Amino acid sequence: MSSAADQALIERARALIESLPDDENHTVAAVALDTAGRHFDGVNLYHFTGGLCAEPVVLAVAAAQQAAPLEVVVAVGNRGRGVLAPCGRCRQILFDYHPDIQVLVPHGPQIRRVGIRELLPYTYNWHAQTDREHGEASRQAE
């Protein structure tokens, strides 16, 4: 069962997606909350060349507004589809930029808050790979 705060995030995303014209360009809204209590909203951007999901859009909005670390994110689909779990690509992006973020996901008839690491076990950690490569390069330069 989700908390009242989680329900408020879901409602904010639902209200955003329902406020948009009913077309195929924007079908999912996402809302993120940072550790300072600020909300950031975004929607997906359909394009035939491969558009952007709502979750990376909301990360970009948060970055542009100099957000504190993001605590939780939720995506809600249009036409009453409710809370949607992030796709694999978005899970990797969420992990890469906010490895401690929590995600609201459907779990049967309920909504569950889970860590991104739980949604993406055994993930590729490119930060760790880059750190290892930089460490080896600096040791070789000595």
Protein backbone atom coordinates (compact mmCIF):
# COMPACT_ATOMS: atom_id res chain seq x y z
CA MET A 1 0.00 0.00 0.00
CA SER A 2 1.37 3.41 -0.90
CA SER A 3 1.58 6.39 1.45
CA ALA A 4 -0.42 9.60 1.22
CA ALA A 5 2.70 11.33 -0.16
CA ASP A 6 3.05 8.68 -2.86
CA GLN A 7 -0.64 9.02 -3.71
CA ALA A 8 -0.15 12.79 -4.07
CA LEU A 9 2.68 12.19 -6.58
CA ILE A 10 0.50 9.78 -8.52
CA GLU A 11 -2.36 12.28 -8.56
CA ARG A 12 -0.04 15.06 -9.75
CA ALA A 13 1.16 12.91 -12.66
CA ARG A 14 -2.40 11.80 -13.46
CA ALA A 15 -3.63 15.40 -13.50
CA LEU A 16 -0.77 16.42 -15.79
CA ILE A 17 -1.38 13.71 -18.38
CA GLU A 18 -5.13 14.28 -18.29
CA SER A 19 -4.62 18.02 -18.88
CA LEU A 20 -2.99 17.37 -22.26
CA PRO A 21 -4.78 16.83 -25.57
CA ASP A 22 -5.66 13.19 -26.20
CA ASP A 23 -3.16 12.38 -28.93
CA GLU A 24 -0.18 10.09 -29.45
CA ASN A 25 2.51 12.75 -28.89
CA HIS A 26 2.30 12.75 -25.08
CA THR A 27 0.89 9.60 -23.48
CA VAL A 28 2.79 9.38 -20.18
CA ALA A 29 3.52 11.94 -17.46
CA ALA A 30 6.20 11.56 -14.80
CA VAL A 31 6.70 13.40 -11.53
CA ALA A 32 9.84 13.29 -9.40
CA LEU A 33 10.40 14.56 -5.87
CA ASP A 34 13.83 15.66 -4.68
CA THR A 35 15.24 15.44 -1.17
CA ALA A 36 14.48 19.15 -0.67
CA GLY A 37 10.76 18.49 -1.26
CA ARG A 38 10.57 20.05 -4.73
CA HIS A 39 8.48 18.49 -7.51
CA PHE A 40 9.51 18.17 -11.15
CA ASP A 41 7.09 17.27 -13.93
CA GLY A 42 7.62 15.96 -17.44
CA VAL A 43 5.89 14.11 -20.25
CA ASN A 44 7.07 11.70 -22.90
CA LEU A 45 7.83 13.05 -26.35
CA TYR A 46 6.78 10.74 -29.14
CA HIS A 47 8.71 10.95 -32.38
CA PHE A 48 8.97 8.43 -35.19
CA THR A 49 12.77 8.41 -34.88
CA GLY A 50 12.52 7.23 -31.28
CA GLY A 51 11.18 9.70 -28.80
CA LEU A 52 11.85 10.16 -25.12
CA CYS A 53 10.03 8.48 -22.28
CA ALA A 54 8.65 10.70 -19.52
CA GLU A 55 11.20 9.56 -16.93
CA PRO A 56 14.33 10.91 -18.73
CA VAL A 57 12.43 14.09 -19.53
CA VAL A 58 11.67 14.64 -15.85
CA LEU A 59 15.33 13.99 -14.99
CA ALA A 60 16.34 16.69 -17.47
CA VAL A 61 13.78 19.12 -16.05
CA ALA A 62 15.10 18.44 -12.55
CA ALA A 63 18.69 18.97 -13.68
CA ALA A 64 17.78 22.24 -15.41
CA GLN A 65 16.18 23.45 -12.18
CA GLN A 66 19.20 22.38 -10.09
CA ALA A 67 17.33 19.74 -8.11
CA ALA A 68 18.70 18.11 -5.02
CA PRO A 69 19.13 14.34 -5.37
CA LEU A 70 15.88 12.80 -6.52
CA GLU A 71 14.11 10.65 -3.95
CA VAL A 72 11.19 9.14 -5.88
CA VAL A 73 9.66 9.12 -9.36
CA VAL A 74 6.36 7.90 -10.78
CA ALA A 75 5.00 7.63 -14.33
CA VAL A 76 1.28 7.57 -15.15
CA GLY A 77 -0.24 6.66 -18.50
CA ASN A 78 -3.02 8.46 -20.30
CA ARG A 79 -6.53 7.08 -20.88
CA GLY A 80 -6.75 5.76 -17.33
CA ARG A 81 -3.80 3.36 -17.61
CA GLY A 82 -2.56 4.33 -14.14
CA VAL A 83 0.94 3.91 -12.76
CA LEU A 84 3.42 2.41 -15.22
CA ALA A 85 6.71 0.72 -14.40
CA PRO A 86 9.70 2.22 -16.25
CA CYS A 87 10.98 0.42 -19.33
CA GLY A 88 14.43 -1.17 -19.27
CA ARG A 89 16.15 1.82 -20.86
CA CYS A 90 14.60 4.18 -18.32
CA ARG A 91 15.59 1.90 -15.45
CA GLN A 92 19.20 2.10 -16.58
CA ILE A 93 19.02 5.90 -16.97
CA LEU A 94 17.42 6.31 -13.53
CA PHE A 95 20.15 4.16 -12.00
CA ASP A 96 22.94 6.02 -13.83
CA TYR A 97 21.81 9.47 -12.70
CA HIS A 98 20.13 8.70 -9.35
CA PRO A 99 21.29 5.28 -8.08
CA ASP A 100 19.38 5.67 -4.82
CA ILE A 101 16.05 6.76 -6.32
CA GLN A 102 12.84 4.98 -5.41
CA VAL A 103 10.23 4.22 -8.09
CA LEU A 104 6.49 3.77 -7.71
CA VAL A 105 5.37 0.69 -9.65
CA PRO A 106 2.17 -1.30 -9.97
CA HIS A 107 2.13 -4.48 -7.91
CA GLY A 108 -1.10 -6.28 -8.64
CA PRO A 109 -3.92 -3.96 -7.58
CA GLN A 110 -1.58 -1.92 -5.36
CA ILE A 111 1.28 0.52 -5.84
CA ARG A 112 4.66 -0.33 -4.40
CA ARG A 113 7.73 1.87 -3.78
CA VAL A 114 10.94 0.07 -4.76
CA GLY A 115 14.56 1.06 -5.18
CA ILE A 116 15.89 1.28 -8.71
CA ARG A 117 18.47 -1.38 -7.84
CA GLU A 118 15.61 -3.80 -7.13
CA LEU A 119 14.07 -3.03 -10.52
CA LEU A 120 17.40 -3.48 -12.27
CA PRO A 121 19.41 -6.17 -10.47
CA TYR A 122 22.92 -6.87 -11.71
CA THR A 123 22.89 -3.62 -13.64
CA TYR A 124 25.80 -2.34 -15.66
CA ASN A 125 27.39 0.46 -13.64
CA TRP A 126 29.21 2.68 -16.13
CA HIS A 127 30.29 5.04 -13.33
CA ALA A 128 32.21 2.21 -11.69
CA GLN A 129 33.74 1.20 -15.03
CA THR A 130 34.80 4.78 -15.73
CA ASP A 131 36.23 5.11 -12.21
CA ARG A 132 38.25 1.91 -12.70
CA GLU A 133 39.56 3.11 -16.07
CA HIS A 134 40.55 6.50 -14.65
CA GLY A 135 42.23 4.84 -11.70
CA GLU A 136 44.27 2.59 -13.97
CA ALA A 137 45.22 5.50 -16.23
CA SER A 138 46.42 7.60 -13.29
CA ARG A 139 48.42 4.65 -11.90
CA GLN A 140 50.03 4.08 -15.32
CA ALA A 141 51.00 7.75 -15.54
CA GLU A 142 52.92 7.55 -12.23
